[in-house]
PDB file of all heavy atoms in Angstrom:
ATOM      1  N   ILE A   1    -167.327  39.376 -46.651  1.00  0.00           N
ATOM      2  CA  ILE A   1    -168.054  38.417 -45.807  1.00  0.00           C
ATOM      3  C   ILE A   1    -169.447  38.956 -45.494  1.00  0.00           C
ATOM      4  O   ILE A   1    -170.426  38.200 -45.475  1.00  0.00           O
ATOM      5  CB  ILE A   1    -167.289  38.024 -44.504  1.00  0.00           C
ATOM      6  CG1 ILE A   1    -168.014  36.902 -43.741  1.00  0.00           C
ATOM      7  CG2 ILE A   1    -167.085  39.197 -43.583  1.00  0.00           C
ATOM      8  CD1 ILE A   1    -168.096  35.584 -44.450  1.00  0.00           C
ATOM      9  N   LEU A   2    -169.566  40.265 -45.292  1.00  0.00           N
ATOM     10  CA  LEU A   2    -170.892  40.845 -45.058  1.00  0.00           C
ATOM     11  C   LEU A   2    -171.774  40.725 -46.304  1.00  0.00           C
ATOM     12  O   LEU A   2    -172.970  40.445 -46.196  1.00  0.00           O
ATOM     13  CB  LEU A   2    -170.771  42.311 -44.631  1.00  0.00           C
ATOM     14  CG  LEU A   2    -170.121  42.563 -43.271  1.00  0.00           C
ATOM     15  CD1 LEU A   2    -169.981  44.068 -43.029  1.00  0.00           C
ATOM     16  CD2 LEU A   2    -170.896  41.901 -42.148  1.00  0.00           C
ATOM     17  N   VAL A   3    -171.176  40.929 -47.483  1.00  0.00           N
ATOM     18  CA  VAL A   3    -171.919  40.756 -48.737  1.00  0.00           C
ATOM     19  C   VAL A   3    -172.419  39.319 -48.837  1.00  0.00           C
ATOM     20  O   VAL A   3    -173.587  39.076 -49.134  1.00  0.00           O
ATOM     21  CB  VAL A   3    -171.039  41.132 -49.959  1.00  0.00           C
ATOM     22  CG1 VAL A   3    -171.610  40.572 -51.250  1.00  0.00           C
ATOM     23  CG2 VAL A   3    -170.887  42.642 -50.064  1.00  0.00           C
ATOM     24  N   GLU A   4    -171.538  38.370 -48.602  1.00  0.00           N
ATOM     25  CA  GLU A   4    -171.916  36.951 -48.694  1.00  0.00           C
ATOM     26  C   GLU A   4    -173.087  36.630 -47.773  1.00  0.00           C
ATOM     27  O   GLU A   4    -174.087  36.049 -48.189  1.00  0.00           O
ATOM     28  CB  GLU A   4    -170.715  36.076 -48.344  1.00  0.00           C
ATOM     29  CG  GLU A   4    -171.011  34.603 -48.223  1.00  0.00           C
ATOM     30  CD  GLU A   4    -171.166  33.893 -49.554  1.00  0.00           C
ATOM     31  OE1 GLU A   4    -172.235  34.024 -50.180  1.00  0.00           O
ATOM     32  OE2 GLU A   4    -170.212  33.188 -49.940  1.00  0.00           O
ATOM     33  N   VAL A   5    -172.981  37.030 -46.525  1.00  0.00           N
ATOM     34  CA  VAL A   5    -174.022  36.723 -45.544  1.00  0.00           C
ATOM     35  C   VAL A   5    -175.335  37.415 -45.916  1.00  0.00           C
ATOM     36  O   VAL A   5    -176.402  36.799 -45.884  1.00  0.00           O
ATOM     37  CB  VAL A   5    -173.568  37.102 -44.116  1.00  0.00           C
ATOM     38  CG1 VAL A   5    -174.720  37.036 -43.127  1.00  0.00           C
ATOM     39  CG2 VAL A   5    -172.419  36.197 -43.674  1.00  0.00           C
ATOM     40  N   GLU A   6    -175.256  38.677 -46.298  1.00  0.00           N
ATOM     41  CA  GLU A   6    -176.492  39.422 -46.584  1.00  0.00           C
ATOM     42  C   GLU A   6    -177.185  38.928 -47.850  1.00  0.00           C
ATOM     43  O   GLU A   6    -178.416  38.832 -47.884  1.00  0.00           O
ATOM     44  CB  GLU A   6    -176.198  40.925 -46.685  1.00  0.00           C
ATOM     45  CG  GLU A   6    -177.445  41.779 -46.735  1.00  0.00           C
ATOM     46  CD  GLU A   6    -178.343  41.649 -45.514  1.00  0.00           C
ATOM     47  OE1 GLU A   6    -177.856  41.361 -44.401  1.00  0.00           O
ATOM     48  OE2 GLU A   6    -179.577  41.853 -45.673  1.00  0.00           O
ATOM     49  N   ILE A   7    -176.426  38.608 -48.900  1.00  0.00           N
ATOM     50  CA  ILE A   7    -177.053  38.044 -50.103  1.00  0.00           C
ATOM     51  C   ILE A   7    -177.780  36.755 -49.742  1.00  0.00           C
ATOM     52  O   ILE A   7    -178.915  36.526 -50.142  1.00  0.00           O
ATOM     53  CB  ILE A   7    -176.026  37.780 -51.218  1.00  0.00           C
ATOM     54  CG1 ILE A   7    -175.508  39.090 -51.801  1.00  0.00           C
ATOM     55  CG2 ILE A   7    -176.630  36.910 -52.324  1.00  0.00           C
ATOM     56  CD1 ILE A   7    -174.321  38.916 -52.747  1.00  0.00           C
ATOM     57  N   ARG A   8    -177.131  35.914 -48.983  1.00  0.00           N
ATOM     58  CA  ARG A   8    -177.736  34.634 -48.604  1.00  0.00           C
ATOM     59  C   ARG A   8    -178.976  34.846 -47.743  1.00  0.00           C
ATOM     60  O   ARG A   8    -179.973  34.148 -47.897  1.00  0.00           O
ATOM     61  CB  ARG A   8    -176.718  33.737 -47.938  1.00  0.00           C
ATOM     62  CG  ARG A   8    -175.689  33.257 -48.948  1.00  0.00           C
ATOM     63  CD  ARG A   8    -174.687  32.316 -48.335  1.00  0.00           C
ATOM     64  NE  ARG A   8    -173.748  31.869 -49.329  1.00  0.00           N
ATOM     65  CZ  ARG A   8    -173.971  30.889 -50.202  1.00  0.00           C
ATOM     66  NH1 ARG A   8    -175.128  30.259 -50.213  1.00  0.00           N
ATOM     67  NH2 ARG A   8    -173.046  30.540 -51.071  1.00  0.00           N
ATOM     68  N   LYS A   9    -178.937  35.824 -46.848  1.00  0.00           N
ATOM     69  CA  LYS A   9    -180.116  36.109 -46.027  1.00  0.00           C
ATOM     70  C   LYS A   9    -181.275  36.566 -46.906  1.00  0.00           C
ATOM     71  O   LYS A   9    -182.396  36.105 -46.746  1.00  0.00           O
ATOM     72  CB  LYS A   9    -179.784  37.187 -44.987  1.00  0.00           C
ATOM     73  CG  LYS A   9    -178.979  36.645 -43.814  1.00  0.00           C
ATOM     74  CD  LYS A   9    -178.380  37.703 -42.922  1.00  0.00           C
ATOM     75  CE  LYS A   9    -179.308  38.679 -42.320  1.00  0.00           C
ATOM     76  NZ  LYS A   9    -178.613  39.619 -41.391  1.00  0.00           N
ATOM     77  N   ARG A  10    -180.997  37.439 -47.843  1.00  0.00           N
ATOM     78  CA  ARG A  10    -182.064  38.003 -48.677  1.00  0.00           C
ATOM     79  C   ARG A  10    -182.599  37.018 -49.719  1.00  0.00           C
ATOM     80  O   ARG A  10    -183.687  37.212 -50.239  1.00  0.00           O
ATOM     81  CB  ARG A  10    -181.578  39.267 -49.387  1.00  0.00           C
ATOM     82  CG  ARG A  10    -181.338  40.419 -48.433  1.00  0.00           C
ATOM     83  CD  ARG A  10    -181.127  41.696 -49.180  1.00  0.00           C
ATOM     84  NE  ARG A  10    -180.583  42.725 -48.330  1.00  0.00           N
ATOM     85  CZ  ARG A  10    -180.312  43.947 -48.745  1.00  0.00           C
ATOM     86  NH1 ARG A  10    -180.535  44.290 -50.007  1.00  0.00           N
ATOM     87  NH2 ARG A  10    -179.810  44.830 -47.918  1.00  0.00           N
ATOM     88  N   THR A  11    -181.816  35.996 -50.042  1.00  0.00           N
ATOM     89  CA  THR A  11    -182.254  35.035 -51.062  1.00  0.00           C
ATOM     90  C   THR A  11    -182.551  33.659 -50.469  1.00  0.00           C
ATOM     91  O   THR A  11    -182.672  32.689 -51.211  1.00  0.00           O
ATOM     92  CB  THR A  11    -181.188  34.880 -52.167  1.00  0.00           C
ATOM     93  OG1 THR A  11    -180.002  34.295 -51.621  1.00  0.00           O
ATOM     94  CG2 THR A  11    -180.880  36.211 -52.850  1.00  0.00           C
ATOM     95  N   SER A  12    -182.650  33.588 -49.173  1.00  0.00           N
ATOM     96  CA  SER A  12    -182.878  32.305 -48.486  1.00  0.00           C
ATOM     97  C   SER A  12    -181.839  31.271 -48.908  1.00  0.00           C
ATOM     98  O   SER A  12    -182.168  30.114 -49.178  1.00  0.00           O
ATOM     99  CB  SER A  12    -184.301  31.797 -48.763  1.00  0.00           C
ATOM    100  OG  SER A  12    -185.254  32.712 -48.291  1.00  0.00           O
ATOM    101  N   ASN A  13    -180.599  31.694 -48.990  1.00  0.00           N
ATOM    102  CA  ASN A  13    -179.445  30.847 -49.328  1.00  0.00           C
ATOM    103  C   ASN A  13    -179.484  30.300 -50.758  1.00  0.00           C
ATOM    104  O   ASN A  13    -178.739  29.385 -51.083  1.00  0.00           O
ATOM    105  CB  ASN A  13    -179.281  29.703 -48.329  1.00  0.00           C
ATOM    106  CG  ASN A  13    -178.846  30.201 -46.981  1.00  0.00           C
ATOM    107  OD1 ASN A  13    -178.030  31.109 -46.877  1.00  0.00           O
ATOM    108  ND2 ASN A  13    -179.403  29.628 -45.938  1.00  0.00           N
ATOM    109  N   LYS A  14    -180.307  30.883 -51.608  1.00  0.00           N
ATOM    110  CA  LYS A  14    -180.357  30.422 -52.994  1.00  0.00           C
ATOM    111  C   LYS A  14    -179.251  31.041 -53.837  1.00  0.00           C
ATOM    112  O   LYS A  14    -178.872  30.499 -54.870  1.00  0.00           O
ATOM    113  CB  LYS A  14    -181.717  30.733 -53.605  1.00  0.00           C
ATOM    114  CG  LYS A  14    -182.837  29.888 -53.003  1.00  0.00           C
ATOM    115  CD  LYS A  14    -184.170  30.210 -53.640  1.00  0.00           C
ATOM    116  CE  LYS A  14    -185.256  29.333 -53.085  1.00  0.00           C
ATOM    117  NZ  LYS A  14    -185.701  29.733 -51.765  1.00  0.00           N
ATOM    118  N   LYS A  15    -178.751  32.182 -53.412  1.00  0.00           N
ATOM    119  CA  LYS A  15    -177.658  32.849 -54.120  1.00  0.00           C
ATOM    120  C   LYS A  15    -176.651  33.342 -53.104  1.00  0.00           C
ATOM    121  O   LYS A  15    -176.950  33.471 -51.923  1.00  0.00           O
ATOM    122  CB  LYS A  15    -178.185  34.002 -54.965  1.00  0.00           C
ATOM    123  CG  LYS A  15    -179.092  33.508 -56.073  1.00  0.00           C
ATOM    124  CD  LYS A  15    -179.353  34.555 -57.085  1.00  0.00           C
ATOM    125  CE  LYS A  15    -180.224  33.925 -58.179  1.00  0.00           C
ATOM    126  NZ  LYS A  15    -180.555  34.858 -59.208  1.00  0.00           N
ATOM    127  N   GLY A  16    -175.442  33.615 -53.602  1.00  0.00           N
ATOM    128  CA  GLY A  16    -174.393  34.088 -52.728  1.00  0.00           C
ATOM    129  C   GLY A  16    -173.351  34.861 -53.508  1.00  0.00           C
ATOM    130  O   GLY A  16    -173.561  35.250 -54.661  1.00  0.00           O
ATOM    131  N   LEU A  17    -172.225  35.044 -52.881  1.00  0.00           N
ATOM    132  CA  LEU A  17    -171.129  35.806 -53.481  1.00  0.00           C
ATOM    133  C   LEU A  17    -170.678  35.192 -54.800  1.00  0.00           C
ATOM    134  O   LEU A  17    -170.312  35.908 -55.733  1.00  0.00           O
ATOM    135  CB  LEU A  17    -169.964  35.885 -52.487  1.00  0.00           C
ATOM    136  CG  LEU A  17    -168.751  36.676 -52.920  1.00  0.00           C
ATOM    137  CD1 LEU A  17    -169.105  38.108 -53.288  1.00  0.00           C
ATOM    138  CD2 LEU A  17    -167.701  36.647 -51.814  1.00  0.00           C
ATOM    139  N   GLU A  18    -170.722  33.881 -54.896  1.00  0.00           N
ATOM    140  CA  GLU A  18    -170.310  33.210 -56.140  1.00  0.00           C
ATOM    141  C   GLU A  18    -171.113  33.734 -57.324  1.00  0.00           C
ATOM    142  O   GLU A  18    -170.547  34.052 -58.376  1.00  0.00           O
ATOM    143  CB  GLU A  18    -170.494  31.698 -56.001  1.00  0.00           C
ATOM    144  CG  GLU A  18    -170.098  30.923 -57.240  1.00  0.00           C
ATOM    145  CD  GLU A  18    -170.284  29.423 -57.075  1.00  0.00           C
ATOM    146  OE1 GLU A  18    -170.459  28.941 -55.940  1.00  0.00           O
ATOM    147  OE2 GLU A  18    -170.260  28.743 -58.105  1.00  0.00           O
ATOM    148  N   GLN A  19    -172.425  33.848 -57.177  1.00  0.00           N
ATOM    149  CA  GLN A  19    -173.259  34.332 -58.271  1.00  0.00           C
ATOM    150  C   GLN A  19    -172.977  35.805 -58.566  1.00  0.00           C
ATOM    151  O   GLN A  19    -172.980  36.218 -59.721  1.00  0.00           O
ATOM    152  CB  GLN A  19    -174.748  34.127 -57.959  1.00  0.00           C
ATOM    153  CG  GLN A  19    -175.204  32.703 -58.123  1.00  0.00           C
ATOM    154  CD  GLN A  19    -174.601  31.784 -57.079  1.00  0.00           C
ATOM    155  OE1 GLN A  19    -174.422  32.164 -55.934  1.00  0.00           O
ATOM    156  NE2 GLN A  19    -174.278  30.576 -57.479  1.00  0.00           N
ATOM    157  N   ALA A  20    -172.738  36.588 -57.527  1.00  0.00           N
ATOM    158  CA  ALA A  20    -172.414  37.996 -57.724  1.00  0.00           C
ATOM    159  C   ALA A  20    -171.129  38.144 -58.537  1.00  0.00           C
ATOM    160  O   ALA A  20    -171.074  38.914 -59.500  1.00  0.00           O
ATOM    161  CB  ALA A  20    -172.274  38.708 -56.379  1.00  0.00           C
ATOM    162  N   LEU A  21    -170.103  37.391 -58.173  1.00  0.00           N
ATOM    163  CA  LEU A  21    -168.824  37.491 -58.880  1.00  0.00           C
ATOM    164  C   LEU A  21    -168.915  36.964 -60.308  1.00  0.00           C
ATOM    165  O   LEU A  21    -168.315  37.529 -61.222  1.00  0.00           O
ATOM    166  CB  LEU A  21    -167.733  36.766 -58.096  1.00  0.00           C
ATOM    167  CG  LEU A  21    -167.398  37.393 -56.741  1.00  0.00           C
ATOM    168  CD1 LEU A  21    -166.388  36.537 -55.989  1.00  0.00           C
ATOM    169  CD2 LEU A  21    -166.900  38.822 -56.890  1.00  0.00           C
ATOM    170  N   ARG A  22    -169.694  35.921 -60.506  1.00  0.00           N
ATOM    171  CA  ARG A  22    -169.904  35.421 -61.867  1.00  0.00           C
ATOM    172  C   ARG A  22    -170.624  36.469 -62.719  1.00  0.00           C
ATOM    173  O   ARG A  22    -170.307  36.660 -63.891  1.00  0.00           O
ATOM    174  CB  ARG A  22    -170.685  34.114 -61.852  1.00  0.00           C
ATOM    175  CG  ARG A  22    -169.889  32.928 -61.360  1.00  0.00           C
ATOM    176  CD  ARG A  22    -170.773  31.675 -61.301  1.00  0.00           C
ATOM    177  NE  ARG A  22    -170.098  30.576 -60.700  1.00  0.00           N
ATOM    178  CZ  ARG A  22    -169.339  29.694 -61.364  1.00  0.00           C
ATOM    179  NH1 ARG A  22    -169.201  29.805 -62.664  1.00  0.00           N
ATOM    180  NH2 ARG A  22    -168.752  28.709 -60.719  1.00  0.00           N
ATOM    181  N   GLY A  23    -171.612  37.140 -62.125  1.00  0.00           N
ATOM    182  CA  GLY A  23    -172.329  38.193 -62.834  1.00  0.00           C
ATOM    183  C   GLY A  23    -171.428  39.357 -63.184  1.00  0.00           C
ATOM    184  O   GLY A  23    -171.525  39.933 -64.280  1.00  0.00           O
ATOM    185  N   ILE A  24    -170.546  39.711 -62.275  1.00  0.00           N
ATOM    186  CA  ILE A  24    -169.583  40.783 -62.540  1.00  0.00           C
ATOM    187  C   ILE A  24    -168.667  40.391 -63.689  1.00  0.00           C
ATOM    188  O   ILE A  24    -168.459  41.168 -64.629  1.00  0.00           O
ATOM    189  CB  ILE A  24    -168.776  41.119 -61.269  1.00  0.00           C
ATOM    190  CG1 ILE A  24    -169.687  41.804 -60.244  1.00  0.00           C
ATOM    191  CG2 ILE A  24    -167.566  41.980 -61.605  1.00  0.00           C
ATOM    192  CD1 ILE A  24    -169.085  41.931 -58.861  1.00  0.00           C
TER     193      ILE A  24
END
């Protein structure tokens, strides 16, 4: 949940955990 929130904060909600998991 911290990863999700922080990715969204750093990308202005343009990316999130979904993109991270797809990349993995």
